[in-house]
PDB file of N, CA and C in Angstrom:
ATOM      1  N   MET A   1     143.634  67.926 144.309  1.00  0.00           N
ATOM      2  CA  MET A   1     143.401  67.386 142.851  1.00  0.00           C
ATOM      3  C   MET A   1     142.514  68.020 141.962  1.00  0.00           C
ATOM      4  N   ALA A   2     143.039  68.303 140.778  1.00  0.00           N
ATOM      5  CA  ALA A   2     142.067  68.959 139.956  1.00  0.00           C
ATOM      6  C   ALA A   2     140.902  68.208 139.527  1.00  0.00           C
ATOM      7  N   ARG A   3     139.756  68.881 139.039  1.00  0.00           N
ATOM      8  CA  ARG A   3     138.678  68.177 138.660  1.00  0.00           C
ATOM      9  C   ARG A   3     138.336  68.771 137.282  1.00  0.00           C
ATOM     10  N   ARG A   4     137.594  68.012 136.436  1.00  0.00           N
ATOM     11  CA  ARG A   4     137.285  68.654 135.055  1.00  0.00           C
ATOM     12  C   ARG A   4     136.337  69.685 135.316  1.00  0.00           C
ATOM     13  N   TYR A   5     135.286  69.434 135.938  1.00  0.00           N
ATOM     14  CA  TYR A   5     134.236  70.186 136.320  1.00  0.00           C
ATOM     15  C   TYR A   5     134.675  71.880 136.650  1.00  0.00           C
ATOM     16  N   GLU A   6     135.907  71.764 136.962  1.00  0.00           N
ATOM     17  CA  GLU A   6     136.597  73.062 137.639  1.00  0.00           C
ATOM     18  C   GLU A   6     136.919  73.829 136.545  1.00  0.00           C
ATOM     19  N   ILE A   7     137.048  73.572 135.447  1.00  0.00           N
ATOM     20  CA  ILE A   7     137.632  74.239 134.214  1.00  0.00           C
ATOM     21  C   ILE A   7     136.376  74.990 133.638  1.00  0.00           C
ATOM     22  N   ASP A   8     135.310  74.640 133.537  1.00  0.00           N
ATOM     23  CA  ASP A   8     134.293  75.349 133.151  1.00  0.00           C
ATOM     24  C   ASP A   8     133.958  76.342 134.247  1.00  0.00           C
ATOM     25  N   ALA A   9     134.086  76.038 135.648  1.00  0.00           N
ATOM     26  CA  ALA A   9     133.555  77.192 136.608  1.00  0.00           C
ATOM     27  C   ALA A   9     134.842  78.277 136.328  1.00  0.00           C
ATOM     28  N   ALA A  10     136.080  77.691 136.326  1.00  0.00           N
ATOM     29  CA  ALA A  10     137.244  78.786 136.120  1.00  0.00           C
ATOM     30  C   ALA A  10     136.645  79.974 134.935  1.00  0.00           C
ATOM     31  N   PHE A  11     136.384  79.088 133.985  1.00  0.00           N
ATOM     32  CA  PHE A  11     135.856  80.281 132.973  1.00  0.00           C
ATOM     33  C   PHE A  11     134.867  81.131 133.137  1.00  0.00           C
ATOM     34  N   GLN A  12     133.857  80.636 133.777  1.00  0.00           N
ATOM     35  CA  GLN A  12     132.763  81.414 134.190  1.00  0.00           C
ATOM     36  C   GLN A  12     133.295  82.646 135.149  1.00  0.00           C
ATOM     37  N   GLN A  13     134.005  82.067 135.907  1.00  0.00           N
ATOM     38  CA  GLN A  13     134.639  83.288 136.911  1.00  0.00           C
ATOM     39  C   GLN A  13     135.654  84.187 136.007  1.00  0.00           C
ATOM     40  N   ALA A  14     136.159  83.739 134.821  1.00  0.00           N
ATOM     41  CA  ALA A  14     137.072  84.840 134.398  1.00  0.00           C
ATOM     42  C   ALA A  14     136.190  85.756 133.644  1.00  0.00           C
ATOM     43  N   VAL A  15     135.007  85.531 133.121  1.00  0.00           N
ATOM     44  CA  VAL A  15     134.292  86.194 132.584  1.00  0.00           C
ATOM     45  C   VAL A  15     133.915  87.855 133.060  1.00  0.00           C
ATOM     46  N   LYS A  16     134.187  88.770 132.441  1.00  0.00           N
ATOM     47  CA  LYS A  16     133.988  89.802 132.956  1.00  0.00           C
ATOM     48  C   LYS A  16     132.948  90.457 132.349  1.00  0.00           C
ATOM     49  N   ILE A  17     131.990  91.384 133.041  1.00  0.00           N
ATOM     50  CA  ILE A  17     130.667  92.072 132.395  1.00  0.00           C
ATOM     51  C   ILE A  17     130.836  93.631 132.246  1.00  0.00           C
ATOM     52  N   ASN A  18     130.878  94.221 131.031  1.00  0.00           N
ATOM     53  CA  ASN A  18     131.180  95.663 130.954  1.00  0.00           C
ATOM     54  C   ASN A  18     129.794  96.262 130.374  1.00  0.00           C
ATOM     55  N   PRO A  19     129.282  97.358 130.777  1.00  0.00           N
ATOM     56  CA  PRO A  19     128.321  97.686 130.198  1.00  0.00           C
ATOM     57  C   PRO A  19     128.374  98.135 128.722  1.00  0.00           C
ATOM     58  N   ARG A  20     129.505  98.417 128.378  1.00  0.00           N
ATOM     59  CA  ARG A  20     129.907  98.948 127.095  1.00  0.00           C
ATOM     60  C   ARG A  20     130.209  97.991 126.159  1.00  0.00           C
ATOM     61  N   THR A  21     130.963  96.708 126.442  1.00  0.00           N
ATOM     62  CA  THR A  21     131.263  95.915 125.615  1.00  0.00           C
ATOM     63  C   THR A  21     130.820  94.811 125.949  1.00  0.00           C
ATOM     64  N   GLY A  22     129.978  94.529 126.988  1.00  0.00           N
ATOM     65  CA  GLY A  22     129.323  93.162 126.963  1.00  0.00           C
ATOM     66  C   GLY A  22     130.308  92.222 127.970  1.00  0.00           C
ATOM     67  N   ARG A  23     130.199  90.931 127.724  1.00  0.00           N
ATOM     68  CA  ARG A  23     131.015  89.928 128.538  1.00  0.00           C
ATOM     69  C   ARG A  23     132.016  89.575 127.910  1.00  0.00           C
ATOM     70  N   THR A  24     133.153  89.653 128.438  1.00  0.00           N
ATOM     71  CA  THR A  24     134.784  89.564 127.746  1.00  0.00           C
ATOM     72  C   THR A  24     135.318  88.534 128.702  1.00  0.00           C
ATOM     73  N   VAL A  25     136.447  87.942 128.316  1.00  0.00           N
ATOM     74  CA  VAL A  25     137.255  86.797 128.954  1.00  0.00           C
ATOM     75  C   VAL A  25     138.539  87.447 128.317  1.00  0.00           C
ATOM     76  N   THR A  26     139.717  87.354 129.112  1.00  0.00           N
ATOM     77  CA  THR A  26     141.017  87.344 128.607  1.00  0.00           C
ATOM     78  C   THR A  26     141.600  86.156 128.886  1.00  0.00           C
ATOM     79  N   THR A  27     142.538  85.192 128.083  1.00  0.00           N
ATOM     80  CA  THR A  27     143.223  84.162 128.404  1.00  0.00           C
ATOM     81  C   THR A  27     144.075  84.189 129.443  1.00  0.00           C
ATOM     82  N   ARG A  28     144.593  85.330 129.770  1.00  0.00           N
ATOM     83  CA  ARG A  28     145.217  85.504 131.237  1.00  0.00           C
ATOM     84  C   ARG A  28     144.393  85.349 132.229  1.00  0.00           C
ATOM     85  N   ASP A  29     143.351  86.059 132.573  1.00  0.00           N
ATOM     86  CA  ASP A  29     142.338  85.985 133.473  1.00  0.00           C
ATOM     87  C   ASP A  29     141.676  84.264 133.796  1.00  0.00           C
ATOM     88  N   PHE A  30     141.592  83.708 132.577  1.00  0.00           N
ATOM     89  CA  PHE A  30     141.117  82.433 132.490  1.00  0.00           C
ATOM     90  C   PHE A  30     142.255  81.390 133.166  1.00  0.00           C
ATOM     91  N   THR A  31     143.447  81.621 132.902  1.00  0.00           N
ATOM     92  CA  THR A  31     144.358  80.903 133.470  1.00  0.00           C
ATOM     93  C   THR A  31     144.862  81.091 134.815  1.00  0.00           C
ATOM     94  N   THR A  32     144.329  82.526 135.300  1.00  0.00           N
ATOM     95  CA  THR A  32     144.600  82.721 136.565  1.00  0.00           C
ATOM     96  C   THR A  32     143.524  81.841 137.665  1.00  0.00           C
ATOM     97  N   GLU A  33     142.271  82.101 137.181  1.00  0.00           N
ATOM     98  CA  GLU A  33     141.054  81.077 137.853  1.00  0.00           C
ATOM     99  C   GLU A  33     141.304  79.673 137.676  1.00  0.00           C
ATOM    100  N   LEU A  34     142.235  79.387 136.606  1.00  0.00           N
ATOM    101  CA  LEU A  34     142.346  78.100 136.681  1.00  0.00           C
ATOM    102  C   LEU A  34     143.380  77.488 137.779  1.00  0.00           C
ATOM    103  N   ALA A  35     144.502  78.614 137.735  1.00  0.00           N
ATOM    104  CA  ALA A  35     145.552  78.233 138.804  1.00  0.00           C
ATOM    105  C   ALA A  35     144.855  77.887 140.070  1.00  0.00           C
ATOM    106  N   LYS A  36     143.911  78.787 140.503  1.00  0.00           N
ATOM    107  CA  LYS A  36     143.120  78.557 141.712  1.00  0.00           C
ATOM    108  C   LYS A  36     142.592  77.647 142.152  1.00  0.00           C
ATOM    109  N   VAL A  37     142.367  76.526 141.128  1.00  0.00           N
ATOM    110  CA  VAL A  37     141.568  75.354 141.460  1.00  0.00           C
ATOM    111  C   VAL A  37     142.583  74.230 140.965  1.00  0.00           C
ATOM    112  N   ASN A  38     143.898  74.667 140.923  1.00  0.00           N
ATOM    113  CA  ASN A  38     144.987  73.616 140.730  1.00  0.00           C
ATOM    114  C   ASN A  38     145.297  72.909 139.331  1.00  0.00           C
ATOM    115  N   TRP A  39     144.764  73.932 138.334  1.00  0.00           N
ATOM    116  CA  TRP A  39     145.103  73.588 136.989  1.00  0.00           C
ATOM    117  C   TRP A  39     145.894  74.537 136.436  1.00  0.00           C
ATOM    118  N   HIS A  40     147.191  74.117 135.990  1.00  0.00           N
ATOM    119  CA  HIS A  40     148.142  75.151 135.665  1.00  0.00           C
ATOM    120  C   HIS A  40     148.446  75.137 134.177  1.00  0.00           C
ATOM    121  N   TRP A  41     147.610  75.723 133.296  1.00  0.00           N
ATOM    122  CA  TRP A  41     147.638  75.694 131.727  1.00  0.00           C
ATOM    123  C   TRP A  41     148.506  77.159 131.463  1.00  0.00           C
ATOM    124  N   THR A  42     149.154  76.723 130.137  1.00  0.00           N
ATOM    125  CA  THR A  42     149.884  78.029 129.443  1.00  0.00           C
ATOM    126  C   THR A  42     148.885  78.692 128.799  1.00  0.00           C
ATOM    127  N   LEU A  43     149.174  79.979 128.344  1.00  0.00           N
ATOM    128  CA  LEU A  43     148.051  80.591 127.678  1.00  0.00           C
ATOM    129  C   LEU A  43     147.635  80.184 126.253  1.00  0.00           C
ATOM    130  N   ALA A  44     148.861  79.132 125.807  1.00  0.00           N
ATOM    131  CA  ALA A  44     148.396  78.532 124.469  1.00  0.00           C
ATOM    132  C   ALA A  44     147.258  77.273 124.617  1.00  0.00           C
ATOM    133  N   GLU A  45     147.345  76.564 125.990  1.00  0.00           N
ATOM    134  CA  GLU A  45     146.775  75.599 126.316  1.00  0.00           C
ATOM    135  C   GLU A  45     145.259  75.969 126.630  1.00  0.00           C
ATOM    136  N   ALA A  46     145.093  77.314 127.198  1.00  0.00           N
ATOM    137  CA  ALA A  46     143.953  78.060 127.494  1.00  0.00           C
ATOM    138  C   ALA A  46     143.013  78.291 126.222  1.00  0.00           C
ATOM    139  N   ASN A  47     143.818  78.799 125.352  1.00  0.00           N
ATOM    140  CA  ASN A  47     143.348  79.310 124.251  1.00  0.00           C
ATOM    141  C   ASN A  47     142.654  78.180 123.303  1.00  0.00           C
ATOM    142  N   ARG A  48     143.432  76.997 123.101  1.00  0.00           N
ATOM    143  CA  ARG A  48     142.820  75.800 122.742  1.00  0.00           C
ATOM    144  C   ARG A  48     141.492  75.406 123.209  1.00  0.00           C
ATOM    145  N   TRP A  49     141.623  75.421 124.419  1.00  0.00           N
ATOM    146  CA  TRP A  49     140.387  74.714 125.374  1.00  0.00           C
ATOM    147  C   TRP A  49     139.121  75.795 125.003  1.00  0.00           C
ATOM    148  N   ILE A  50     139.407  77.080 125.091  1.00  0.00           N
ATOM    149  CA  ILE A  50     138.398  77.870 124.565  1.00  0.00           C
ATOM    150  C   ILE A  50     137.615  77.672 123.026  1.00  0.00           C
ATOM    151  N   GLU A  51     138.709  77.728 122.537  1.00  0.00           N
ATOM    152  CA  GLU A  51     138.395  77.719 120.908  1.00  0.00           C
ATOM    153  C   GLU A  51     137.641  76.253 120.639  1.00  0.00           C
ATOM    154  N   HIS A  52     138.078  75.110 121.548  1.00  0.00           N
ATOM    155  CA  HIS A  52     137.178  74.108 121.201  1.00  0.00           C
ATOM    156  C   HIS A  52     135.911  73.881 122.151  1.00  0.00           C
ATOM    157  N   HIS A  53     135.813  74.303 123.304  1.00  0.00           N
ATOM    158  CA  HIS A  53     134.776  74.142 123.990  1.00  0.00           C
ATOM    159  C   HIS A  53     133.745  75.233 124.196  1.00  0.00           C
ATOM    160  N   VAL A  54     133.946  76.346 123.671  1.00  0.00           N
ATOM    161  CA  VAL A  54     133.083  77.725 123.775  1.00  0.00           C
ATOM    162  C   VAL A  54     132.809  78.238 122.684  1.00  0.00           C
ATOM    163  N   ASP A  55     131.715  78.084 121.956  1.00  0.00           N
ATOM    164  CA  ASP A  55     131.298  78.633 120.558  1.00  0.00           C
ATOM    165  C   ASP A  55     130.441  79.870 120.712  1.00  0.00           C
ATOM    166  N   GLN A  56     130.338  80.298 121.917  1.00  0.00           N
ATOM    167  CA  GLN A  56     129.272  81.433 122.229  1.00  0.00           C
ATOM    168  C   GLN A  56     130.286  82.800 122.146  1.00  0.00           C
ATOM    169  N   PHE A  57     131.832  82.504 122.316  1.00  0.00           N
ATOM    170  CA  PHE A  57     132.751  83.794 122.440  1.00  0.00           C
ATOM    171  C   PHE A  57     133.688  83.639 120.994  1.00  0.00           C
ATOM    172  N   LYS A  58     133.769  85.080 120.824  1.00  0.00           N
ATOM    173  CA  LYS A  58     134.583  85.367 119.395  1.00  0.00           C
ATOM    174  C   LYS A  58     135.924  85.965 119.902  1.00  0.00           C
ATOM    175  N   ASP A  59     137.087  85.712 118.889  1.00  0.00           N
ATOM    176  CA  ASP A  59     138.041  86.375 119.536  1.00  0.00           C
ATOM    177  C   ASP A  59     138.267  87.885 118.864  1.00  0.00           C
ATOM    178  N   ILE A  60     138.342  88.808 119.937  1.00  0.00           N
ATOM    179  CA  ILE A  60     138.274  90.196 119.420  1.00  0.00           C
ATOM    180  C   ILE A  60     139.892  90.686 119.886  1.00  0.00           C
ATOM    181  N   SER A  61     140.660  90.195 119.906  1.00  0.00           N
ATOM    182  CA  SER A  61     142.020  90.524 120.206  1.00  0.00           C
ATOM    183  C   SER A  61     142.533  91.603 119.580  1.00  0.00           C
ATOM    184  N   THR A  62     143.284  92.685 120.102  1.00  0.00           N
ATOM    185  CA  THR A  62     143.902  93.770 119.125  1.00  0.00           C
ATOM    186  C   THR A  62     145.459  93.520 118.945  1.00  0.00           C
ATOM    187  N   GLN A  63     145.993  92.390 119.855  1.00  0.00           N
ATOM    188  CA  GLN A  63     147.532  92.399 120.022  1.00  0.00           C
ATOM    189  C   GLN A  63     147.805  91.130 119.523  1.00  0.00           C
ATOM    190  N   GLU A  64     149.059  90.755 119.166  1.00  0.00           N
ATOM    191  CA  GLU A  64     149.585  89.443 118.688  1.00  0.00           C
ATOM    192  C   GLU A  64     149.921  88.737 119.873  1.00  0.00           C
ATOM    193  N   GLY A  65     150.045  87.353 119.894  1.00  0.00           N
ATOM    194  CA  GLY A  65     150.388  86.689 120.905  1.00  0.00           C
ATOM    195  C   GLY A  65     149.042  85.742 121.585  1.00  0.00           C
ATOM    196  N   ASP A  66     149.607  85.147 122.405  1.00  0.00           N
ATOM    197  CA  ASP A  66     148.504  84.024 123.091  1.00  0.00           C
ATOM    198  C   ASP A  66     147.883  84.679 124.337  1.00  0.00           C
ATOM    199  N   ASP A  67     147.995  85.941 124.795  1.00  0.00           N
ATOM    200  CA  ASP A  67     146.983  86.515 125.616  1.00  0.00           C
ATOM    201  C   ASP A  67     146.141  87.141 124.884  1.00  0.00           C
ATOM    202  N   ARG A  68     144.856  86.559 124.547  1.00  0.00           N
ATOM    203  CA  ARG A  68     143.871  87.110 123.910  1.00  0.00           C
ATOM    204  C   ARG A  68     142.572  87.478 124.499  1.00  0.00           C
ATOM    205  N   THR A  69     141.853  87.825 123.872  1.00  0.00           N
ATOM    206  CA  THR A  69     140.468  88.783 124.502  1.00  0.00           C
ATOM    207  C   THR A  69     139.189  88.127 123.514  1.00  0.00           C
ATOM    208  N   PHE A  70     138.570  87.309 124.258  1.00  0.00           N
ATOM    209  CA  PHE A  70     137.205  86.925 123.664  1.00  0.00           C
ATOM    210  C   PHE A  70     135.905  87.768 124.199  1.00  0.00           C
ATOM    211  N   MET A  71     134.956  88.005 123.254  1.00  0.00           N
ATOM    212  CA  MET A  71     133.884  88.524 123.492  1.00  0.00           C
ATOM    213  C   MET A  71     132.643  87.548 123.347  1.00  0.00           C
ATOM    214  N   LEU A  72     131.578  87.576 124.291  1.00  0.00           N
ATOM    215  CA  LEU A  72     130.641  87.079 123.790  1.00  0.00           C
ATOM    216  C   LEU A  72     129.955  87.394 122.556  1.00  0.00           C
ATOM    217  N   PHE A  73     129.156  86.346 121.693  1.00  0.00           N
ATOM    218  CA  PHE A  73     128.803  86.780 120.477  1.00  0.00           C
ATOM    219  C   PHE A  73     127.457  86.264 120.288  1.00  0.00           C
ATOM    220  N   ASN A  74     126.462  86.979 119.791  1.00  0.00           N
ATOM    221  CA  ASN A  74     124.940  86.336 119.565  1.00  0.00           C
ATOM    222  C   ASN A  74     124.631  86.556 118.329  1.00  0.00           C
ATOM    223  N   PRO A  75     124.734  85.828 117.709  1.00  0.00           N
ATOM    224  CA  PRO A  75     124.524  85.729 116.093  1.00  0.00           C
ATOM    225  C   PRO A  75     123.190  86.145 115.911  1.00  0.00           C
ATOM    226  N   ASN A  76     122.164  86.030 116.862  1.00  0.00           N
ATOM    227  CA  ASN A  76     120.424  86.406 116.811  1.00  0.00           C
ATOM    228  C   ASN A  76     120.523  87.855 116.884  1.00  0.00           C
ATOM    229  N   VAL A  77     121.564  88.651 117.533  1.00  0.00           N
ATOM    230  CA  VAL A  77     121.024  89.992 117.661  1.00  0.00           C
ATOM    231  C   VAL A  77     121.768  90.763 116.460  1.00  0.00           C
ATOM    232  N   ARG A  78     121.082  91.754 115.854  1.00  0.00           N
ATOM    233  CA  ARG A  78     121.561  92.432 114.742  1.00  0.00           C
ATOM    234  C   ARG A  78     122.124  93.987 115.143  1.00  0.00           C
TER     235      ARG A  78
END
């Protein structure tokens, strides 16, 4: 049975750390992690959740479509 707290955990598991670009997450990685804990979302559903629940990440996608890329954004760093 799927549990709500698993959504946040799946998002954290999908975040990748790169020394050059910082912390990024793709919608595809997020949906893959969700499927591991019995949440089966479309890319569009995952994007809506990210946009609504995660305000520290901004969209840096370079392509069109629902498979988007988000990067951790810190407005306090110049």
